[in-house]
C-alpha atoms as a PDB file:
ATOM      1  CA  MET A   1      28.370  -7.033  -9.164  1.00  0.00           C
ATOM      2  CA  THR A   2      28.897  -6.783  -5.416  1.00  0.00           C
ATOM      3  CA  ALA A   3      26.703  -8.417  -2.811  1.00  0.00           C
ATOM      4  CA  VAL A   4      25.336  -5.003  -1.865  1.00  0.00           C
ATOM      5  CA  GLN A   5      24.364  -4.261  -5.462  1.00  0.00           C
ATOM      6  CA  ALA A   6      22.705  -7.663  -5.830  1.00  0.00           C
ATOM      7  CA  THR A   7      20.747  -7.153  -2.619  1.00  0.00           C
ATOM      8  CA  ALA A   8      19.721  -3.678  -3.754  1.00  0.00           C
ATOM      9  CA  LEU A   9      18.342  -5.113  -6.999  1.00  0.00           C
ATOM     10  CA  VAL A  10      16.323  -7.704  -5.083  1.00  0.00           C
ATOM     11  CA  LEU A  11      14.963  -4.973  -2.820  1.00  0.00           C
ATOM     12  CA  ILE A  12      14.064  -2.743  -5.767  1.00  0.00           C
ATOM     13  CA  ASP A  13      12.245  -5.645  -7.444  1.00  0.00           C
ATOM     14  CA  PHE A  14      10.377  -6.379  -4.226  1.00  0.00           C
ATOM     15  CA  LEU A  15       9.357  -2.739  -3.732  1.00  0.00           C
ATOM     16  CA  THR A  16       8.188  -2.495  -7.346  1.00  0.00           C
ATOM     17  CA  ASP A  17       6.032  -5.598  -6.909  1.00  0.00           C
ATOM     18  CA  LEU A  18       4.722  -4.358  -3.562  1.00  0.00           C
ATOM     19  CA  ASP A  19       3.792  -1.003  -5.082  1.00  0.00           C
ATOM     20  CA  ALA A  20       1.936  -2.704  -7.947  1.00  0.00           C
ATOM     21  CA  MET A  21       0.064  -4.976  -5.553  1.00  0.00           C
ATOM     22  CA  LEU A  22      -0.927  -2.205  -3.133  1.00  0.00           C
ATOM     23  CA  ALA A  23      -2.073   0.013  -6.002  1.00  0.00           C
ATOM     24  CA  THR A  24      -4.871  -2.486  -6.720  1.00  0.00           C
ATOM     25  CA  ASP A  25      -6.680  -1.506  -3.500  1.00  0.00           C
ATOM     26  CA  PRO A  26      -7.786   2.134  -3.025  1.00  0.00           C
ATOM     27  CA  SER A  27      -7.212   1.786   0.724  1.00  0.00           C
ATOM     28  CA  PHE A  28      -3.470   1.764   0.090  1.00  0.00           C
ATOM     29  CA  ILE A  29      -3.232   4.790  -2.217  1.00  0.00           C
ATOM     30  CA  LEU A  30      -1.139   7.432  -0.435  1.00  0.00           C
ATOM     31  CA  GLY A  31      -3.124  10.313  -1.922  1.00  0.00           C
ATOM     32  CA  LYS A  32      -6.328   8.934  -0.413  1.00  0.00           C
ATOM     33  CA  TRP A  33      -4.695   8.598   3.011  1.00  0.00           C
ATOM     34  CA  ILE A  34      -3.430  12.171   2.850  1.00  0.00           C
ATOM     35  CA  GLY A  35      -6.749  13.524   1.584  1.00  0.00           C
ATOM     36  CA  ASP A  36      -8.650  11.730   4.355  1.00  0.00           C
ATOM     37  CA  ALA A  37      -6.218  12.981   6.987  1.00  0.00           C
ATOM     38  CA  ARG A  38      -6.553  16.573   5.794  1.00  0.00           C
ATOM     39  CA  ARG A  39     -10.374  16.333   5.729  1.00  0.00           C
ATOM     40  CA  TRP A  40     -10.395  15.176   9.362  1.00  0.00           C
ATOM     41  CA  SER A  41      -8.860  18.508  10.384  1.00  0.00           C
ATOM     42  CA  ASP A  42     -12.106  20.526   9.980  1.00  0.00           C
ATOM     43  CA  ASP A  43     -10.278  23.153   7.872  1.00  0.00           C
ATOM     44  CA  ASN A  44      -7.650  23.839  10.550  1.00  0.00           C
ATOM     45  CA  GLY A  45      -4.517  24.297   8.420  1.00  0.00           C
ATOM     46  CA  THR A  46      -1.992  23.569  11.151  1.00  0.00           C
ATOM     47  CA  TYR A  47      -3.856  20.454  12.260  1.00  0.00           C
ATOM     48  CA  ALA A  48      -4.248  19.359   8.620  1.00  0.00           C
ATOM     49  CA  ASP A  49      -0.478  19.619   8.155  1.00  0.00           C
ATOM     50  CA  PHE A  50       0.055  17.583  11.324  1.00  0.00           C
ATOM     51  CA  LEU A  51      -2.371  14.859  10.220  1.00  0.00           C
ATOM     52  CA  GLU A  52      -0.793  14.720   6.757  1.00  0.00           C
ATOM     53  CA  TYR A  53       2.647  14.399   8.316  1.00  0.00           C
ATOM     54  CA  ASN A  54       1.414  11.490  10.447  1.00  0.00           C
ATOM     55  CA  ALA A  55      -0.253   9.796   7.471  1.00  0.00           C
ATOM     56  CA  ARG A  56       3.013   9.949   5.531  1.00  0.00           C
ATOM     57  CA  ASN A  57       4.981   8.707   8.554  1.00  0.00           C
ATOM     58  CA  GLN A  58       2.763   5.643   8.906  1.00  0.00           C
ATOM     59  CA  VAL A  59       3.966   4.492   5.509  1.00  0.00           C
ATOM     60  CA  HIS A  60       7.621   5.191   6.239  1.00  0.00           C
ATOM     61  CA  LEU A  61       7.566   3.716   9.720  1.00  0.00           C
ATOM     62  CA  SER A  62       5.753   0.505   8.810  1.00  0.00           C
ATOM     63  CA  LEU A  63       7.778  -0.336   5.688  1.00  0.00           C
ATOM     64  CA  PRO A  64      10.959  -1.477   7.535  1.00  0.00           C
ATOM     65  CA  ARG A  65       8.902  -3.879   9.681  1.00  0.00           C
ATOM     66  CA  LEU A  66       7.242  -5.252   6.547  1.00  0.00           C
ATOM     67  CA  LEU A  67      10.599  -5.762   4.885  1.00  0.00           C
ATOM     68  CA  LEU A  68      11.973  -7.593   7.925  1.00  0.00           C
ATOM     69  CA  LYS A  69       9.058 -10.040   7.807  1.00  0.00           C
ATOM     70  CA  VAL A  70       9.549 -10.706   4.091  1.00  0.00           C
ATOM     71  CA  CYS A  71      13.351 -10.967   3.980  1.00  0.00           C
END
């Protein structure tokens, strides 16, 4: 096993544990975030899409910072 493969396994284990931990609190369920974002749009489809996009990006943009603090 290469160093890259070993590191990947550690990362996968960490992400699995993180997912399990976050799933215990409804505030961290992605579907809830997306649903809330879409409801804030007052039935404006284009704005709902924009808010959903931003809700999804918050997860993707904050994860690398979280990983840097942990590793």
